[in-house]
C-alpha atoms as a PDB file:
ATOM      1  CA  MET A   1      18.997 -13.766  -0.368  1.00  0.00           C
ATOM      2  CA  LEU A   2      16.085 -14.396  -2.730  1.00  0.00           C
ATOM      3  CA  GLU A   3      14.447 -10.996  -2.804  1.00  0.00           C
ATOM      4  CA  GLY A   4      10.663 -11.266  -2.885  1.00  0.00           C
ATOM      5  CA  LEU A   5      10.497 -15.078  -2.683  1.00  0.00           C
ATOM      6  CA  ARG A   6       8.674 -16.707   0.218  1.00  0.00           C
ATOM      7  CA  LEU A   7       9.621 -20.004   1.767  1.00  0.00           C
ATOM      8  CA  ILE A   8       6.294 -21.632   2.538  1.00  0.00           C
ATOM      9  CA  ALA A   9       4.725 -22.059   5.952  1.00  0.00           C
ATOM     10  CA  ALA A  10       1.261 -22.626   7.310  1.00  0.00           C
ATOM     11  CA  THR A  11       0.153 -19.369   8.904  1.00  0.00           C
ATOM     12  CA  CYS A  12      -2.010 -18.686  11.920  1.00  0.00           C
ATOM     13  CA  ALA A  13      -2.638 -15.976  14.484  1.00  0.00           C
ATOM     14  CA  ALA A  14       0.274 -15.493  16.826  1.00  0.00           C
ATOM     15  CA  VAL A  15      -0.342 -16.595  20.404  1.00  0.00           C
ATOM     16  CA  LEU A  16       1.538 -15.220  23.376  1.00  0.00           C
ATOM     17  CA  LEU A  17       2.526 -18.236  25.443  1.00  0.00           C
ATOM     18  CA  GLY A  18       2.867 -18.184  29.184  1.00  0.00           C
ATOM     19  CA  GLY A  19       5.598 -20.578  30.281  1.00  0.00           C
ATOM     20  CA  CYS A  20       5.944 -21.791  33.855  1.00  0.00           C
ATOM     21  CA  GLY A  21       8.844 -21.005  36.130  1.00  0.00           C
ATOM     22  CA  THR A  22      11.332 -18.502  34.772  1.00  0.00           C
ATOM     23  CA  GLY A  23       8.994 -16.081  33.061  1.00  0.00           C
ATOM     24  CA  ASP A  24      11.179 -15.943  29.925  1.00  0.00           C
ATOM     25  CA  THR A  25       9.535 -14.623  26.809  1.00  0.00           C
ATOM     26  CA  VAL A  26       8.252 -17.401  24.577  1.00  0.00           C
ATOM     27  CA  PRO A  27       8.385 -16.843  20.798  1.00  0.00           C
ATOM     28  CA  THR A  28       5.176 -15.192  19.592  1.00  0.00           C
ATOM     29  CA  ASN A  29       4.944 -17.176  16.372  1.00  0.00           C
ATOM     30  CA  ALA A  30       6.023 -20.638  15.287  1.00  0.00           C
ATOM     31  CA  SER A  31       7.455 -19.518  11.937  1.00  0.00           C
ATOM     32  CA  MET A  32      11.235 -19.622  11.645  1.00  0.00           C
ATOM     33  CA  GLN A  33      12.968 -16.897   9.710  1.00  0.00           C
ATOM     34  CA  THR A  34      16.365 -16.076   8.273  1.00  0.00           C
ATOM     35  CA  GLY A  35      18.199 -12.897   9.136  1.00  0.00           C
ATOM     36  CA  ALA A  36      20.913 -11.165  11.106  1.00  0.00           C
ATOM     37  CA  THR A  37      19.215  -8.391  13.034  1.00  0.00           C
ATOM     38  CA  THR A  38      19.658  -8.904  16.766  1.00  0.00           C
ATOM     39  CA  ALA A  39      16.582  -8.342  18.934  1.00  0.00           C
ATOM     40  CA  VAL A  40      14.240  -9.936  21.442  1.00  0.00           C
ATOM     41  CA  ASP A  41      10.572 -10.709  20.913  1.00  0.00           C
ATOM     42  CA  ASP A  42       8.035  -7.975  21.437  1.00  0.00           C
ATOM     43  CA  PRO A  43       4.905  -9.910  22.509  1.00  0.00           C
ATOM     44  CA  SER A  44       2.731  -7.083  21.240  1.00  0.00           C
ATOM     45  CA  THR A  45       4.033  -7.436  17.681  1.00  0.00           C
ATOM     46  CA  SER A  46       2.624 -10.593  16.140  1.00  0.00           C
ATOM     47  CA  ALA A  47       4.155  -9.857  12.733  1.00  0.00           C
ATOM     48  CA  VAL A  48       7.679 -10.203  14.104  1.00  0.00           C
ATOM     49  CA  THR A  49       9.246 -13.580  14.659  1.00  0.00           C
ATOM     50  CA  SER A  50      12.243 -14.267  16.868  1.00  0.00           C
ATOM     51  CA  THR A  51      14.677 -17.089  16.229  1.00  0.00           C
ATOM     52  CA  THR A  52      17.469 -18.284  18.458  1.00  0.00           C
ATOM     53  CA  ARG A  53      20.699 -20.227  18.160  1.00  0.00           C
ATOM     54  CA  ALA A  54      22.833 -22.246  20.517  1.00  0.00           C
ATOM     55  CA  ASP A  55      25.295 -19.373  20.871  1.00  0.00           C
ATOM     56  CA  GLY A  56      22.558 -17.337  22.548  1.00  0.00           C
ATOM     57  CA  GLN A  57      22.020 -14.946  19.668  1.00  0.00           C
ATOM     58  CA  SER A  58      18.466 -14.020  18.748  1.00  0.00           C
ATOM     59  CA  THR A  59      17.517 -12.890  15.262  1.00  0.00           C
ATOM     60  CA  THR A  60      14.293 -11.055  14.592  1.00  0.00           C
ATOM     61  CA  LEU A  61      12.954 -10.011  11.211  1.00  0.00           C
ATOM     62  CA  SER A  62       9.466  -9.529   9.888  1.00  0.00           C
ATOM     63  CA  PRO A  63       8.157 -11.607   6.946  1.00  0.00           C
ATOM     64  CA  GLU A  64       7.761  -8.356   5.018  1.00  0.00           C
ATOM     65  CA  THR A  65      11.449  -7.587   5.488  1.00  0.00           C
ATOM     66  CA  THR A  66      12.958 -10.981   4.723  1.00  0.00           C
ATOM     67  CA  GLY A  67      10.491 -12.571   2.342  1.00  0.00           C
ATOM     68  CA  LEU A  68      11.482 -15.825   4.013  1.00  0.00           C
ATOM     69  CA  ASP A  69       9.399 -18.113   6.178  1.00  0.00           C
ATOM     70  CA  THR A  70      10.535 -21.606   7.128  1.00  0.00           C
ATOM     71  CA  THR A  71       8.022 -23.446   9.265  1.00  0.00           C
ATOM     72  CA  LEU A  72       8.564 -27.179   9.438  1.00  0.00           C
ATOM     73  CA  GLY A  73       5.790 -29.571   8.505  1.00  0.00           C
ATOM     74  CA  PRO A  74       4.986 -33.009   9.945  1.00  0.00           C
ATOM     75  CA  VAL A  75       8.180 -34.734  11.007  1.00  0.00           C
ATOM     76  CA  THR A  76       7.309 -38.152   9.577  1.00  0.00           C
ATOM     77  CA  ASN A  77       5.931 -39.188   6.222  1.00  0.00           C
ATOM     78  CA  THR A  78       2.519 -40.083   7.605  1.00  0.00           C
ATOM     79  CA  ASP A  79      -0.145 -37.985   9.265  1.00  0.00           C
ATOM     80  CA  GLU A  80       0.252 -40.044  12.416  1.00  0.00           C
ATOM     81  CA  GLY A  81       3.742 -38.861  13.236  1.00  0.00           C
ATOM     82  CA  GLY A  82       4.684 -35.860  15.328  1.00  0.00           C
ATOM     83  CA  GLY A  83       4.157 -32.471  13.758  1.00  0.00           C
ATOM     84  CA  PHE A  84       6.422 -29.437  13.879  1.00  0.00           C
ATOM     85  CA  LEU A  85       3.742 -26.875  13.116  1.00  0.00           C
ATOM     86  CA  PRO A  86       2.371 -23.443  14.039  1.00  0.00           C
ATOM     87  CA  ASP A  87      -0.220 -23.118  16.788  1.00  0.00           C
ATOM     88  CA  PRO A  88      -3.192 -25.427  16.291  1.00  0.00           C
ATOM     89  CA  ASP A  89      -6.616 -23.988  17.086  1.00  0.00           C
ATOM     90  CA  GLY A  90      -6.731 -23.234  20.787  1.00  0.00           C
ATOM     91  CA  GLY A  91      -3.049 -22.296  21.101  1.00  0.00           C
ATOM     92  CA  THR A  92      -0.608 -24.055  23.389  1.00  0.00           C
ATOM     93  CA  ASP A  93      -0.665 -25.228  27.002  1.00  0.00           C
ATOM     94  CA  PHE A  94       2.444 -25.242  29.230  1.00  0.00           C
ATOM     95  CA  GLU A  95       2.067 -27.159  32.500  1.00  0.00           C
ATOM     96  CA  CYS A  96       5.831 -26.962  33.043  1.00  0.00           C
ATOM     97  CA  ASP A  97       8.817 -24.996  31.734  1.00  0.00           C
ATOM     98  CA  LEU A  98      10.768 -26.929  29.092  1.00  0.00           C
ATOM     99  CA  PHE A  99      13.963 -24.997  29.825  1.00  0.00           C
ATOM    100  CA  ALA A 100      13.735 -24.749  33.610  1.00  0.00           C
ATOM    101  CA  GLN A 101      12.136 -28.216  33.915  1.00  0.00           C
ATOM    102  CA  GLY A 102      11.099 -28.091  37.588  1.00  0.00           C
ATOM    103  CA  CYS A 103       9.127 -31.334  37.517  1.00  0.00           C
ATOM    104  CA  PRO A 104       9.064 -33.657  40.544  1.00  0.00           C
ATOM    105  CA  ALA A 105      11.965 -36.078  41.011  1.00  0.00           C
ATOM    106  CA  GLY A 106      11.862 -38.894  38.464  1.00  0.00           C
ATOM    107  CA  GLU A 107       9.972 -36.784  35.901  1.00  0.00           C
ATOM    108  CA  LYS A 108      10.879 -34.455  33.039  1.00  0.00           C
ATOM    109  CA  CYS A 109       9.064 -31.665  31.211  1.00  0.00           C
ATOM    110  CA  MET A 110       8.096 -32.955  27.773  1.00  0.00           C
ATOM    111  CA  PRO A 111       6.251 -31.738  24.653  1.00  0.00           C
ATOM    112  CA  TRP A 112       3.045 -33.604  23.850  1.00  0.00           C
ATOM    113  CA  ALA A 113      -0.253 -33.270  21.955  1.00  0.00           C
ATOM    114  CA  ASN A 114      -3.024 -32.731  24.500  1.00  0.00           C
ATOM    115  CA  ASP A 115      -5.686 -33.315  21.852  1.00  0.00           C
ATOM    116  CA  GLY A 116      -4.329 -36.678  20.660  1.00  0.00           C
ATOM    117  CA  SER A 117      -3.277 -35.253  17.303  1.00  0.00           C
ATOM    118  CA  GLY A 118       0.071 -35.462  15.510  1.00  0.00           C
ATOM    119  CA  VAL A 119       0.988 -31.885  16.461  1.00  0.00           C
ATOM    120  CA  TRP A 120       2.856 -30.965  19.643  1.00  0.00           C
ATOM    121  CA  ASN A 121       0.848 -28.205  21.325  1.00  0.00           C
ATOM    122  CA  ALA A 122       1.530 -28.570  25.064  1.00  0.00           C
ATOM    123  CA  ALA A 123       4.121 -29.434  27.709  1.00  0.00           C
ATOM    124  CA  ARG A 124       3.719 -31.570  30.821  1.00  0.00           C
ATOM    125  CA  CYS A 125       5.712 -33.614  33.323  1.00  0.00           C
ATOM    126  CA  SER A 126       6.284 -37.214  32.209  1.00  0.00           C
ATOM    127  CA  PRO A 127       8.117 -40.083  33.930  1.00  0.00           C
ATOM    128  CA  VAL A 128      11.807 -40.728  33.217  1.00  0.00           C
ATOM    129  CA  ALA A 129      12.526 -44.362  32.322  1.00  0.00           C
ATOM    130  CA  ARG A 130      14.442 -46.497  34.842  1.00  0.00           C
ATOM    131  CA  ASN A 131      17.278 -47.234  32.409  1.00  0.00           C
ATOM    132  CA  PRO A 132      16.965 -44.283  30.037  1.00  0.00           C
ATOM    133  CA  ALA A 133      18.527 -44.012  26.590  1.00  0.00           C
ATOM    134  CA  GLN A 134      21.038 -41.240  25.959  1.00  0.00           C
ATOM    135  CA  PRO A 135      21.146 -38.700  23.098  1.00  0.00           C
ATOM    136  CA  GLY A 136      22.075 -40.543  19.932  1.00  0.00           C
ATOM    137  CA  ASP A 137      20.691 -43.863  21.189  1.00  0.00           C
ATOM    138  CA  PRO A 138      17.618 -45.580  19.728  1.00  0.00           C
ATOM    139  CA  CYS A 139      14.486 -44.871  21.731  1.00  0.00           C
ATOM    140  CA  MET A 140      10.809 -45.731  21.857  1.00  0.00           C
ATOM    141  CA  VAL A 141       7.701 -43.666  22.482  1.00  0.00           C
ATOM    142  CA  GLU A 142       4.546 -44.827  24.198  1.00  0.00           C
ATOM    143  CA  GLY A 143       1.442 -44.582  22.029  1.00  0.00           C
ATOM    144  CA  SER A 144       2.640 -42.100  19.403  1.00  0.00           C
ATOM    145  CA  ALA A 145       5.385 -39.616  18.610  1.00  0.00           C
ATOM    146  CA  THR A 146       3.399 -36.866  20.336  1.00  0.00           C
ATOM    147  CA  SER A 147       2.412 -38.725  23.509  1.00  0.00           C
ATOM    148  CA  GLY A 148       5.153 -37.023  25.523  1.00  0.00           C
ATOM    149  CA  ILE A 149       6.220 -40.362  27.010  1.00  0.00           C
ATOM    150  CA  ASP A 150       9.471 -42.019  25.902  1.00  0.00           C
ATOM    151  CA  ASP A 151      12.491 -43.846  27.290  1.00  0.00           C
ATOM    152  CA  CYS A 152      15.014 -41.039  26.711  1.00  0.00           C
ATOM    153  CA  ASP A 153      16.912 -39.581  29.644  1.00  0.00           C
ATOM    154  CA  PHE A 154      16.127 -36.321  31.410  1.00  0.00           C
ATOM    155  CA  GLY A 155      16.768 -33.378  29.072  1.00  0.00           C
ATOM    156  CA  SER A 156      16.174 -35.306  25.867  1.00  0.00           C
ATOM    157  CA  MET A 157      13.273 -36.588  23.788  1.00  0.00           C
ATOM    158  CA  CYS A 158      12.603 -39.266  21.193  1.00  0.00           C
ATOM    159  CA  TRP A 159      12.787 -37.680  17.709  1.00  0.00           C
ATOM    160  CA  ASP A 160      12.248 -38.835  14.116  1.00  0.00           C
ATOM    161  CA  VAL A 161       9.897 -41.593  15.288  1.00  0.00           C
ATOM    162  CA  ASP A 162       8.802 -44.344  12.901  1.00  0.00           C
ATOM    163  CA  PRO A 163       4.991 -44.442  13.300  1.00  0.00           C
ATOM    164  CA  LYS A 164       4.925 -48.185  12.549  1.00  0.00           C
ATOM    165  CA  THR A 165       7.438 -49.203  15.223  1.00  0.00           C
ATOM    166  CA  ASN A 166       7.379 -46.172  17.575  1.00  0.00           C
ATOM    167  CA  VAL A 167      11.196 -46.231  17.431  1.00  0.00           C
ATOM    168  CA  GLY A 168      13.239 -43.073  17.005  1.00  0.00           C
ATOM    169  CA  THR A 169      16.478 -41.492  18.210  1.00  0.00           C
ATOM    170  CA  CYS A 170      17.070 -39.584  21.438  1.00  0.00           C
ATOM    171  CA  VAL A 171      17.911 -35.923  20.786  1.00  0.00           C
ATOM    172  CA  ALA A 172      19.095 -33.485  23.428  1.00  0.00           C
ATOM    173  CA  MET A 173      16.774 -30.624  24.304  1.00  0.00           C
ATOM    174  CA  CYS A 174      18.151 -27.099  24.548  1.00  0.00           C
ATOM    175  CA  THR A 175      19.141 -25.712  27.923  1.00  0.00           C
ATOM    176  CA  GLY A 176      19.319 -22.107  29.095  1.00  0.00           C
ATOM    177  CA  SER A 177      16.248 -20.057  28.242  1.00  0.00           C
ATOM    178  CA  TYR A 178      14.148 -18.966  25.272  1.00  0.00           C
ATOM    179  CA  ASN A 179      16.190 -15.772  25.081  1.00  0.00           C
ATOM    180  CA  GLU A 180      19.540 -17.514  25.571  1.00  0.00           C
ATOM    181  CA  PRO A 181      19.285 -21.159  24.464  1.00  0.00           C
ATOM    182  CA  PHE A 182      22.316 -23.418  24.604  1.00  0.00           C
ATOM    183  CA  CYS A 183      23.360 -26.822  23.259  1.00  0.00           C
ATOM    184  CA  GLU A 184      26.060 -28.888  24.958  1.00  0.00           C
ATOM    185  CA  ASP A 185      27.177 -30.420  21.649  1.00  0.00           C
ATOM    186  CA  PRO A 186      28.891 -27.660  19.629  1.00  0.00           C
ATOM    187  CA  SER A 187      28.025 -29.427  16.371  1.00  0.00           C
ATOM    188  CA  THR A 188      24.325 -28.812  17.006  1.00  0.00           C
ATOM    189  CA  GLN A 189      22.147 -25.697  17.010  1.00  0.00           C
ATOM    190  CA  CYS A 190      19.122 -24.983  19.180  1.00  0.00           C
ATOM    191  CA  GLN A 191      15.955 -24.915  17.090  1.00  0.00           C
ATOM    192  CA  ILE A 192      12.688 -23.750  18.629  1.00  0.00           C
ATOM    193  CA  GLY A 193       9.377 -24.610  16.962  1.00  0.00           C
ATOM    194  CA  SER A 194       5.682 -25.116  17.533  1.00  0.00           C
ATOM    195  CA  SER A 195       5.479 -21.833  19.458  1.00  0.00           C
ATOM    196  CA  GLY A 196       8.136 -22.881  21.914  1.00  0.00           C
ATOM    197  CA  VAL A 197       6.895 -26.434  22.533  1.00  0.00           C
ATOM    198  CA  ILE A 198       9.814 -27.994  20.645  1.00  0.00           C
ATOM    199  CA  ILE A 199      13.344 -27.040  21.766  1.00  0.00           C
ATOM    200  CA  LEU A 200      15.861 -29.398  20.161  1.00  0.00           C
ATOM    201  CA  CYS A 201      19.587 -29.449  19.454  1.00  0.00           C
ATOM    202  CA  LEU A 202      19.774 -30.443  15.783  1.00  0.00           C
ATOM    203  CA  PHE A 203      22.830 -31.156  13.628  1.00  0.00           C
ATOM    204  CA  ALA A 204      23.974 -28.682  11.022  1.00  0.00           C
ATOM    205  CA  CYS A 205      24.348 -30.059   7.492  1.00  0.00           C
ATOM    206  CA  SER A 206      25.320 -29.223   3.925  1.00  0.00           C
ATOM    207  CA  PRO A 207      22.362 -28.693   1.542  1.00  0.00           C
ATOM    208  CA  LEU A 208      24.643 -29.389  -1.429  1.00  0.00           C
ATOM    209  CA  ILE A 209      25.957 -32.670  -0.030  1.00  0.00           C
ATOM    210  CA  GLN A 210      22.793 -33.723   1.862  1.00  0.00           C
ATOM    211  CA  ASP A 211      24.829 -35.392   4.584  1.00  0.00           C
ATOM    212  CA  CYS A 212      21.949 -36.186   6.950  1.00  0.00           C
ATOM    213  CA  PRO A 213      20.826 -39.614   8.234  1.00  0.00           C
ATOM    214  CA  ARG A 214      18.756 -41.759   5.881  1.00  0.00           C
ATOM    215  CA  THR A 215      15.318 -40.635   7.083  1.00  0.00           C
ATOM    216  CA  GLN A 216      16.251 -36.949   7.220  1.00  0.00           C
ATOM    217  CA  ALA A 217      17.207 -34.178   4.820  1.00  0.00           C
ATOM    218  CA  CYS A 218      19.032 -30.853   5.011  1.00  0.00           C
ATOM    219  CA  TYR A 219      16.492 -28.025   5.214  1.00  0.00           C
ATOM    220  CA  PRO A 220      16.751 -24.290   6.007  1.00  0.00           C
ATOM    221  CA  VAL A 221      15.678 -23.650   9.596  1.00  0.00           C
ATOM    222  CA  ASN A 222      16.169 -20.173  11.050  1.00  0.00           C
ATOM    223  CA  ASP A 223      19.452 -18.937   9.581  1.00  0.00           C
ATOM    224  CA  ASN A 224      20.944 -22.433   9.584  1.00  0.00           C
ATOM    225  CA  TRP A 225      20.667 -25.585   7.509  1.00  0.00           C
ATOM    226  CA  GLU A 226      19.633 -28.462   9.774  1.00  0.00           C
ATOM    227  CA  CYS A 227      18.993 -32.204   9.556  1.00  0.00           C
ATOM    228  CA  VAL A 228      15.229 -32.573   9.915  1.00  0.00           C
ATOM    229  CA  PRO A 229      12.994 -35.620   9.270  1.00  0.00           C
ATOM    230  CA  ASP A 230      11.977 -35.838   5.622  1.00  0.00           C
ATOM    231  CA  ALA A 231       8.157 -35.663   5.571  1.00  0.00           C
ATOM    232  CA  SER A 232       7.766 -35.769   1.792  1.00  0.00           C
ATOM    233  CA  GLY A 233       6.439 -39.332   1.563  1.00  0.00           C
ATOM    234  CA  TYR A 234       5.286 -40.070  -1.995  1.00  0.00           C
ATOM    235  CA  MET A 235       5.424 -36.387  -2.879  1.00  0.00           C
ATOM    236  CA  GLY A 236       8.292 -33.920  -2.730  1.00  0.00           C
ATOM    237  CA  ALA A 237       9.692 -34.100  -6.280  1.00  0.00           C
ATOM    238  CA  TYR A 238      10.457 -31.034  -8.385  1.00  0.00           C
ATOM    239  CA  GLY A 239       7.227 -29.164  -9.122  1.00  0.00           C
ATOM    240  CA  ASP A 240       5.156 -30.967  -6.475  1.00  0.00           C
ATOM    241  CA  ALA A 241       2.937 -28.757  -4.338  1.00  0.00           C
ATOM    242  CA  CYS A 242       4.180 -28.068  -0.811  1.00  0.00           C
ATOM    243  CA  GLU A 243       3.240 -26.093   2.290  1.00  0.00           C
ATOM    244  CA  PHE A 244       6.066 -26.848   4.719  1.00  0.00           C
ATOM    245  CA  ILE A 245       9.821 -26.631   4.460  1.00  0.00           C
ATOM    246  CA  ASN A 246      10.465 -30.348   5.084  1.00  0.00           C
ATOM    247  CA  VAL A 247       7.975 -31.889   2.650  1.00  0.00           C
ATOM    248  CA  CYS A 248      10.315 -31.762  -0.349  1.00  0.00           C
ATOM    249  CA  ASP A 249      12.748 -34.536  -1.254  1.00  0.00           C
ATOM    250  CA  PRO A 250      16.414 -34.229  -0.209  1.00  0.00           C
ATOM    251  CA  GLY A 251      18.099 -31.648  -2.401  1.00  0.00           C
ATOM    252  CA  LEU A 252      14.922 -29.628  -2.892  1.00  0.00           C
ATOM    253  CA  VAL A 253      13.252 -26.852  -0.929  1.00  0.00           C
ATOM    254  CA  CYS A 254       9.734 -25.425  -0.762  1.00  0.00           C
ATOM    255  CA  LEU A 255       9.428 -21.967  -2.344  1.00  0.00           C
ATOM    256  CA  GLY A 256       6.468 -19.759  -3.218  1.00  0.00           C
ATOM    257  CA  SER A 257       4.406 -20.786  -6.228  1.00  0.00           C
ATOM    258  CA  ASP A 258       5.816 -18.000  -8.402  1.00  0.00           C
ATOM    259  CA  ALA A 259       9.329 -19.463  -8.099  1.00  0.00           C
ATOM    260  CA  THR A 260       8.575 -22.669 -10.016  1.00  0.00           C
ATOM    261  CA  PRO A 261       7.162 -22.763 -13.564  1.00  0.00           C
ATOM    262  CA  GLY A 262       3.771 -24.465 -13.813  1.00  0.00           C
ATOM    263  CA  CYS A 263       3.395 -24.818 -10.042  1.00  0.00           C
ATOM    264  CA  PRO A 264      -0.058 -26.418  -9.487  1.00  0.00           C
ATOM    265  CA  SER A 265      -0.452 -24.821  -6.054  1.00  0.00           C
ATOM    266  CA  ASN A 266      -1.139 -21.224  -5.111  1.00  0.00           C
ATOM    267  CA  VAL A 267       0.871 -21.878  -1.955  1.00  0.00           C
ATOM    268  CA  GLY A 268       4.203 -23.311  -3.070  1.00  0.00           C
ATOM    269  CA  CYS A 269       6.166 -25.977  -4.937  1.00  0.00           C
ATOM    270  CA  CYS A 270       9.396 -27.917  -4.498  1.00  0.00           C
ATOM    271  CA  THR A 271      12.401 -26.706  -6.446  1.00  0.00           C
ATOM    272  CA  GLU A 272      16.072 -27.643  -6.553  1.00  0.00           C
ATOM    273  CA  ILE A 273      18.912 -26.453  -4.383  1.00  0.00           C
ATOM    274  CA  CYS A 274      21.835 -25.556  -6.673  1.00  0.00           C
ATOM    275  CA  ASP A 275      25.527 -24.664  -6.481  1.00  0.00           C
ATOM    276  CA  VAL A 276      26.154 -21.080  -7.587  1.00  0.00           C
ATOM    277  CA  SER A 277      29.817 -21.924  -8.278  1.00  0.00           C
ATOM    278  CA  ASP A 278      28.983 -24.887 -10.532  1.00  0.00           C
ATOM    279  CA  PRO A 279      30.042 -24.300 -14.180  1.00  0.00           C
ATOM    280  CA  GLU A 280      26.652 -25.637 -15.287  1.00  0.00           C
ATOM    281  CA  GLY A 281      25.067 -22.538 -13.841  1.00  0.00           C
ATOM    282  CA  ASP A 282      21.349 -22.293 -14.576  1.00  0.00           C
ATOM    283  CA  ASP A 283      21.409 -25.663 -16.333  1.00  0.00           C
ATOM    284  CA  GLN A 284      21.262 -27.226 -12.873  1.00  0.00           C
ATOM    285  CA  CYS A 285      17.645 -26.078 -12.768  1.00  0.00           C
ATOM    286  CA  THR A 286      14.870 -28.213 -14.242  1.00  0.00           C
ATOM    287  CA  GLY A 287      12.930 -25.046 -15.027  1.00  0.00           C
ATOM    288  CA  ALA A 288      15.825 -23.214 -16.707  1.00  0.00           C
ATOM    289  CA  VAL A 289      14.135 -23.244 -20.118  1.00  0.00           C
ATOM    290  CA  GLN A 290      11.114 -21.614 -18.490  1.00  0.00           C
ATOM    291  CA  GLY A 291      13.098 -18.892 -16.781  1.00  0.00           C
ATOM    292  CA  GLN A 292      14.488 -20.398 -13.589  1.00  0.00           C
ATOM    293  CA  THR A 293      17.995 -19.344 -12.593  1.00  0.00           C
ATOM    294  CA  CYS A 294      20.397 -20.552  -9.916  1.00  0.00           C
ATOM    295  CA  GLN A 295      20.270 -17.747  -7.339  1.00  0.00           C
ATOM    296  CA  SER A 296      22.376 -17.370  -4.218  1.00  0.00           C
ATOM    297  CA  TRP A 297      20.547 -18.315  -1.030  1.00  0.00           C
ATOM    298  CA  SER A 298      22.225 -15.501   0.898  1.00  0.00           C
ATOM    299  CA  GLU A 299      22.824 -11.844   0.241  1.00  0.00           C
ATOM    300  CA  PRO A 300      26.349 -10.999  -0.979  1.00  0.00           C
ATOM    301  CA  GLY A 301      28.790 -11.296   1.903  1.00  0.00           C
ATOM    302  CA  ALA A 302      26.106 -12.583   4.304  1.00  0.00           C
ATOM    303  CA  ALA A 303      26.529 -16.347   3.840  1.00  0.00           C
ATOM    304  CA  ARG A 304      27.789 -18.369   6.789  1.00  0.00           C
ATOM    305  CA  PRO A 305      31.267 -19.887   6.276  1.00  0.00           C
ATOM    306  CA  GLY A 306      30.978 -23.029   4.174  1.00  0.00           C
ATOM    307  CA  TYR A 307      27.597 -22.008   2.726  1.00  0.00           C
ATOM    308  CA  GLU A 308      28.774 -19.405   0.214  1.00  0.00           C
ATOM    309  CA  ASP A 309      27.947 -21.618  -2.781  1.00  0.00           C
ATOM    310  CA  VAL A 310      24.428 -22.601  -1.709  1.00  0.00           C
ATOM    311  CA  GLY A 311      21.757 -21.461  -4.151  1.00  0.00           C
ATOM    312  CA  VAL A 312      18.214 -22.305  -5.198  1.00  0.00           C
ATOM    313  CA  CYS A 313      16.474 -22.550  -8.562  1.00  0.00           C
ATOM    314  CA  ALA A 314      13.786 -19.913  -8.910  1.00  0.00           C
ATOM    315  CA  ILE A 315      12.259 -17.495 -11.391  1.00  0.00           C
ATOM    316  CA  PRO A 316      13.801 -14.049 -10.729  1.00  0.00           C
ATOM    317  CA  ARG A 317      11.501 -11.312  -9.418  1.00  0.00           C
END
């Protein structure tokens, strides 16, 4: 793991969320972290962030321990798309339980933005379409990506929405609970964001191959690499300023400003993902002449199978 380097995220005060129905503990912070320590959220400890996977495991590490923080930014390349962000001012509002559902017949519990913004900050019951689309099918939202109204079937939502056409793809929502989330498709992992408002089964990917759909890229989310909408827009190149993990171009990742030479931001900049087994070594890094090296993403022996060669270009600390 990159000792001392921070993956960038917008920060805010942690908010304890009160879900409806089951009474399961909702994550106390929207940041997503990497680690292997097994634990469950302590609502009284705002500095600790819990992450969960489809196999039901929960990993909890503090930012001070890991040095890693991977909050996702806006999920489209315009400010009008849905946002995958920490709590906006005012916290979050759950009118229904996204895991337990419990809405009246013909309705489903859905994330939405109750302030009309591009950031999901609430959950409510919304109607299920008469002939709903299934996970993997094209879908359409009503109004905007964060309206909470789409034509996806019960237990799924419209994701990666084009703000010009309102068309996206249906993605299955996690089942189970916040403490034990589950995804029916074994090739996906449950990712929880926006303080528990977003619970989606996303596909794993290879950061070295970048094998995601055209509008997405492979980014580090929790302790996995997942296909997430690329929100870089006209920015996102090496050395560009960044605040969120998915605002760098495919093949790059957002690291703290001290990782990239000449970074114009005091928050963070985009830098390359590299292959630690590549004979080119540090020459894979644009900033090699200025001190960047290709460093392993994981601690020795801690990499998930198939991810042993994943590295990132950064100035050693």
